[in-house]
Structures are given as structure tokens and as C-alpha cells.
N, C-alpha and C. Protein backbone atom coordinates (compact mmCIF):
# COMPACT_ATOMS: atom_id res chain seq x y z
N LYS A 1 18.04 20.77 44.22
CA LYS A 1 17.21 19.76 43.58
C LYS A 1 15.75 20.00 43.96
N VAL A 2 14.89 19.96 42.97
CA VAL A 2 13.46 20.17 43.18
C VAL A 2 12.80 18.82 43.49
N THR A 3 11.99 18.80 44.52
CA THR A 3 11.26 17.59 44.88
C THR A 3 9.79 17.93 45.01
N THR A 4 8.95 17.05 44.55
CA THR A 4 7.51 17.22 44.69
C THR A 4 6.89 15.89 45.08
N THR A 5 5.65 15.92 45.52
CA THR A 5 5.01 14.70 45.99
C THR A 5 3.71 14.42 45.25
N ILE A 6 3.42 13.14 45.14
CA ILE A 6 2.13 12.66 44.64
C ILE A 6 1.60 11.72 45.71
N HIS A 7 0.36 11.93 46.11
CA HIS A 7 -0.26 11.06 47.11
C HIS A 7 -1.05 9.97 46.41
N MET A 8 -1.05 8.79 47.02
CA MET A 8 -1.89 7.69 46.55
C MET A 8 -2.99 7.56 47.60
N LYS A 9 -4.19 7.99 47.20
CA LYS A 9 -5.30 8.09 48.15
C LYS A 9 -6.57 7.61 47.47
N ASN A 10 -7.35 6.77 48.15
CA ASN A 10 -8.59 6.22 47.59
C ASN A 10 -8.34 5.57 46.23
N ASN A 11 -7.21 4.85 46.14
CA ASN A 11 -6.81 4.16 44.90
C ASN A 11 -6.75 5.10 43.70
N ALA A 12 -6.20 6.30 43.93
CA ALA A 12 -5.99 7.27 42.86
C ALA A 12 -4.71 8.04 43.15
N PHE A 13 -4.11 8.58 42.08
CA PHE A 13 -2.95 9.45 42.23
C PHE A 13 -3.46 10.88 42.40
N VAL A 14 -2.95 11.60 43.40
CA VAL A 14 -3.34 12.98 43.65
C VAL A 14 -2.07 13.83 43.69
N PRO A 15 -1.81 14.69 42.68
CA PRO A 15 -2.64 14.92 41.50
C PRO A 15 -2.50 13.78 40.48
N GLU A 16 -3.49 13.68 39.61
CA GLU A 16 -3.48 12.63 38.57
C GLU A 16 -2.51 12.97 37.45
N VAL A 17 -2.37 14.27 37.16
CA VAL A 17 -1.42 14.74 36.14
C VAL A 17 -0.50 15.75 36.82
N LEU A 18 0.80 15.53 36.64
CA LEU A 18 1.80 16.43 37.24
C LEU A 18 2.77 16.88 36.16
N THR A 19 3.00 18.18 36.10
CA THR A 19 4.00 18.74 35.19
C THR A 19 5.20 19.18 36.00
N ALA A 20 6.39 18.78 35.57
CA ALA A 20 7.61 19.09 36.33
C ALA A 20 8.77 19.34 35.37
N LEU A 21 9.78 20.01 35.89
CA LEU A 21 11.01 20.27 35.13
C LEU A 21 11.89 19.03 35.10
N PRO A 22 12.72 18.88 34.05
CA PRO A 22 13.71 17.80 34.05
C PRO A 22 14.56 17.86 35.32
N GLY A 23 14.93 16.72 35.84
CA GLY A 23 15.75 16.66 37.05
C GLY A 23 14.95 16.68 38.35
N THR A 24 13.64 16.77 38.25
CA THR A 24 12.80 16.82 39.44
C THR A 24 12.71 15.44 40.09
N GLY A 25 12.79 15.43 41.40
CA GLY A 25 12.55 14.22 42.17
C GLY A 25 11.10 14.17 42.59
N ILE A 26 10.47 13.02 42.42
CA ILE A 26 9.07 12.88 42.81
C ILE A 26 8.97 11.78 43.86
N THR A 27 8.24 12.06 44.93
CA THR A 27 8.00 11.09 45.98
C THR A 27 6.52 10.73 45.98
N TRP A 28 6.24 9.44 45.89
CA TRP A 28 4.86 8.94 45.99
C TRP A 28 4.64 8.52 47.43
N ILE A 29 3.55 8.99 48.04
CA ILE A 29 3.23 8.68 49.43
C ILE A 29 1.94 7.85 49.45
N ASN A 30 2.00 6.69 50.10
CA ASN A 30 0.84 5.80 50.16
C ASN A 30 -0.02 6.18 51.36
N ASP A 31 -1.13 6.89 51.09
CA ASP A 31 -2.08 7.28 52.13
C ASP A 31 -3.22 6.26 52.27
N ASP A 32 -3.19 5.19 51.49
CA ASP A 32 -4.23 4.17 51.54
C ASP A 32 -3.89 3.10 52.58
N GLY A 33 -4.87 2.26 52.88
CA GLY A 33 -4.66 1.15 53.79
C GLY A 33 -4.21 -0.11 53.09
N SER A 34 -3.99 -0.03 51.78
CA SER A 34 -3.56 -1.19 50.99
C SER A 34 -2.21 -0.92 50.34
N VAL A 35 -1.56 -2.00 49.91
CA VAL A 35 -0.25 -1.90 49.29
C VAL A 35 -0.40 -1.40 47.85
N HIS A 36 0.48 -0.48 47.45
CA HIS A 36 0.54 -0.04 46.05
C HIS A 36 1.89 -0.44 45.47
N SER A 37 1.92 -0.62 44.15
CA SER A 37 3.16 -0.95 43.44
C SER A 37 3.10 -0.21 42.11
N ILE A 38 3.88 0.86 41.98
CA ILE A 38 3.75 1.71 40.79
C ILE A 38 4.76 1.35 39.72
N LYS A 39 4.29 1.44 38.49
CA LYS A 39 5.11 1.21 37.30
C LYS A 39 5.06 2.47 36.45
N MET A 40 6.17 2.77 35.81
CA MET A 40 6.20 3.91 34.89
C MET A 40 6.74 3.45 33.55
N SER A 41 6.13 3.95 32.49
CA SER A 41 6.67 3.73 31.16
C SER A 41 6.73 5.07 30.45
N GLY A 42 7.75 5.24 29.63
CA GLY A 42 7.95 6.51 28.94
C GLY A 42 8.77 6.33 27.69
N PRO A 43 9.22 7.46 27.12
CA PRO A 43 9.99 7.42 25.87
C PRO A 43 11.28 6.59 26.00
N ASN A 44 11.67 5.95 24.91
CA ASN A 44 12.93 5.20 24.85
C ASN A 44 13.05 4.15 25.96
N ASN A 45 11.92 3.48 26.26
CA ASN A 45 11.90 2.43 27.28
C ASN A 45 12.30 2.91 28.67
N ALA A 46 12.20 4.22 28.90
CA ALA A 46 12.47 4.73 30.25
C ALA A 46 11.37 4.22 31.16
N GLY A 47 11.74 3.87 32.38
CA GLY A 47 10.70 3.43 33.29
C GLY A 47 11.25 2.89 34.59
N PHE A 48 10.33 2.48 35.44
CA PHE A 48 10.71 1.88 36.71
C PHE A 48 9.56 1.01 37.20
N ASN A 49 9.86 0.21 38.19
CA ASN A 49 8.86 -0.54 38.94
C ASN A 49 9.24 -0.38 40.40
N SER A 50 8.35 0.19 41.20
CA SER A 50 8.69 0.54 42.58
C SER A 50 8.79 -0.66 43.51
N GLY A 51 8.14 -1.77 43.14
CA GLY A 51 7.96 -2.82 44.13
C GLY A 51 6.87 -2.38 45.09
N ASP A 52 6.65 -3.14 46.15
CA ASP A 52 5.56 -2.84 47.07
C ASP A 52 5.85 -1.59 47.90
N ILE A 53 4.85 -0.69 47.95
CA ILE A 53 4.89 0.49 48.81
C ILE A 53 3.81 0.25 49.86
N MET A 54 4.23 -0.03 51.07
CA MET A 54 3.30 -0.38 52.14
C MET A 54 2.50 0.85 52.57
N PRO A 55 1.34 0.64 53.21
CA PRO A 55 0.57 1.77 53.72
C PRO A 55 1.42 2.66 54.63
N GLY A 56 1.36 3.96 54.40
CA GLY A 56 2.13 4.91 55.20
C GLY A 56 3.56 5.11 54.72
N ALA A 57 4.00 4.31 53.76
CA ALA A 57 5.38 4.41 53.26
C ALA A 57 5.42 5.31 52.02
N SER A 58 6.63 5.60 51.57
CA SER A 58 6.80 6.41 50.36
C SER A 58 7.91 5.82 49.50
N TRP A 59 7.97 6.27 48.25
CA TRP A 59 8.98 5.82 47.30
C TRP A 59 9.31 6.99 46.38
N SER A 60 10.57 7.16 46.05
CA SER A 60 10.99 8.32 45.27
C SER A 60 11.73 7.94 43.99
N TYR A 61 11.63 8.81 43.00
CA TYR A 61 12.32 8.64 41.72
C TYR A 61 12.69 10.03 41.22
N THR A 62 13.91 10.17 40.70
CA THR A 62 14.35 11.45 40.13
C THR A 62 14.43 11.32 38.63
N PHE A 63 13.74 12.22 37.95
CA PHE A 63 13.73 12.21 36.49
C PHE A 63 15.02 12.82 35.96
N GLY A 64 15.46 12.31 34.81
CA GLY A 64 16.66 12.82 34.16
C GLY A 64 16.37 14.07 33.35
N SER A 65 17.24 14.36 32.40
CA SER A 65 17.13 15.60 31.63
C SER A 65 16.21 15.48 30.43
N ARG A 66 15.73 14.27 30.13
CA ARG A 66 14.92 14.07 28.92
C ARG A 66 13.47 14.50 29.17
N GLU A 67 12.96 15.31 28.23
CA GLU A 67 11.56 15.69 28.31
C GLU A 67 10.69 14.55 27.79
N GLY A 68 9.45 14.51 28.22
CA GLY A 68 8.54 13.49 27.71
C GLY A 68 7.33 13.30 28.60
N ASN A 69 6.41 12.49 28.12
CA ASN A 69 5.21 12.12 28.86
C ASN A 69 5.39 10.71 29.40
N TYR A 70 5.18 10.54 30.69
CA TYR A 70 5.38 9.26 31.35
C TYR A 70 4.05 8.80 31.95
N THR A 71 3.70 7.54 31.70
CA THR A 71 2.47 6.97 32.22
C THR A 71 2.76 6.20 33.49
N ILE A 72 1.98 6.47 34.53
CA ILE A 72 2.13 5.81 35.82
C ILE A 72 0.91 4.92 36.04
N THR A 73 1.14 3.67 36.41
CA THR A 73 0.04 2.76 36.73
C THR A 73 0.38 2.02 38.02
N ASP A 74 -0.63 1.41 38.61
CA ASP A 74 -0.44 0.62 39.82
C ASP A 74 -0.65 -0.84 39.47
N ALA A 75 0.35 -1.67 39.75
CA ALA A 75 0.27 -3.09 39.41
C ALA A 75 -0.86 -3.79 40.17
N ASN A 76 -1.21 -3.26 41.36
CA ASN A 76 -2.26 -3.88 42.18
C ASN A 76 -3.65 -3.32 41.89
N GLN A 77 -3.72 -2.15 41.24
CA GLN A 77 -4.99 -1.49 40.93
C GLN A 77 -4.95 -1.06 39.47
N PRO A 78 -5.37 -1.91 38.54
CA PRO A 78 -5.21 -1.61 37.11
C PRO A 78 -5.91 -0.32 36.65
N ASP A 79 -6.95 0.11 37.37
CA ASP A 79 -7.65 1.34 36.97
C ASP A 79 -6.97 2.59 37.50
N MET A 80 -5.93 2.43 38.29
CA MET A 80 -5.23 3.58 38.89
C MET A 80 -4.14 4.04 37.93
N LYS A 81 -4.37 5.21 37.33
CA LYS A 81 -3.44 5.72 36.31
C LYS A 81 -3.12 7.18 36.57
N GLY A 82 -1.94 7.58 36.16
CA GLY A 82 -1.53 8.97 36.26
C GLY A 82 -0.55 9.29 35.16
N THR A 83 -0.25 10.58 35.01
CA THR A 83 0.67 11.04 33.97
C THR A 83 1.65 12.03 34.56
N ILE A 84 2.91 11.89 34.21
CA ILE A 84 3.95 12.85 34.56
C ILE A 84 4.42 13.47 33.25
N LEU A 85 4.36 14.80 33.18
CA LEU A 85 4.83 15.53 32.00
C LEU A 85 6.12 16.24 32.40
N ILE A 86 7.24 15.80 31.80
CA ILE A 86 8.53 16.44 32.09
C ILE A 86 8.83 17.36 30.92
N LYS A 87 8.91 18.67 31.22
CA LYS A 87 9.22 19.63 30.15
C LYS A 87 9.93 20.84 30.72
N LEU A 88 10.71 21.50 29.85
CA LEU A 88 11.55 22.62 30.29
C LEU A 88 10.73 23.82 30.70
N GLU A 89 9.60 24.06 30.05
CA GLU A 89 8.78 25.21 30.42
C GLU A 89 7.50 24.71 31.05
N VAL A 90 7.40 24.91 32.36
CA VAL A 90 6.23 24.42 33.10
C VAL A 90 5.12 25.46 33.03
């Protein structure tokens, strides 16, 4: 299983855009001193809501086999946005 990480730092996703293969697990790591809560929306109502991710904590999600573009936002920081591109050819 492939796993990759996205850091939440200075109220931004690092990297802001991530391309990954279907089936990839992604871990978000909170490097900020404030609580983050990430939401994802994508094709066919695919999505999640992480709940609170405390400073220093992490949260993981594994994508299924469906390709698509997924938008990531932070419920606590409306300007904090990112994109996950799931596709067979990276």
C-alpha cells in the first residue's frame, strides 16, 4: 500500500496539490499550533470530514479505485484549500 503525507503548516496544505494513484493512503499532519478539521468533496458525493486534528496529531484516509479531483478544505480556516488528483498515470 502506498502512503504519502500532506503537512498543515502556516494554515496551508503542503503540498497544496497532490497527485496520487488510486488506492493511495494519505496522512495529514498538523504542524500548526491550532486545531484543523479537514473536509473533502469529490465525484459522486465521495468525501469525508476528519473532525478535529489537534496540533501535532495526524489523520489518514485511503482513496479507493475511482479516479477524480478532490477538493480539500479546512472547516476552521475557510481560506485553506487543497486539491488531490487521483489518477492511474501520475
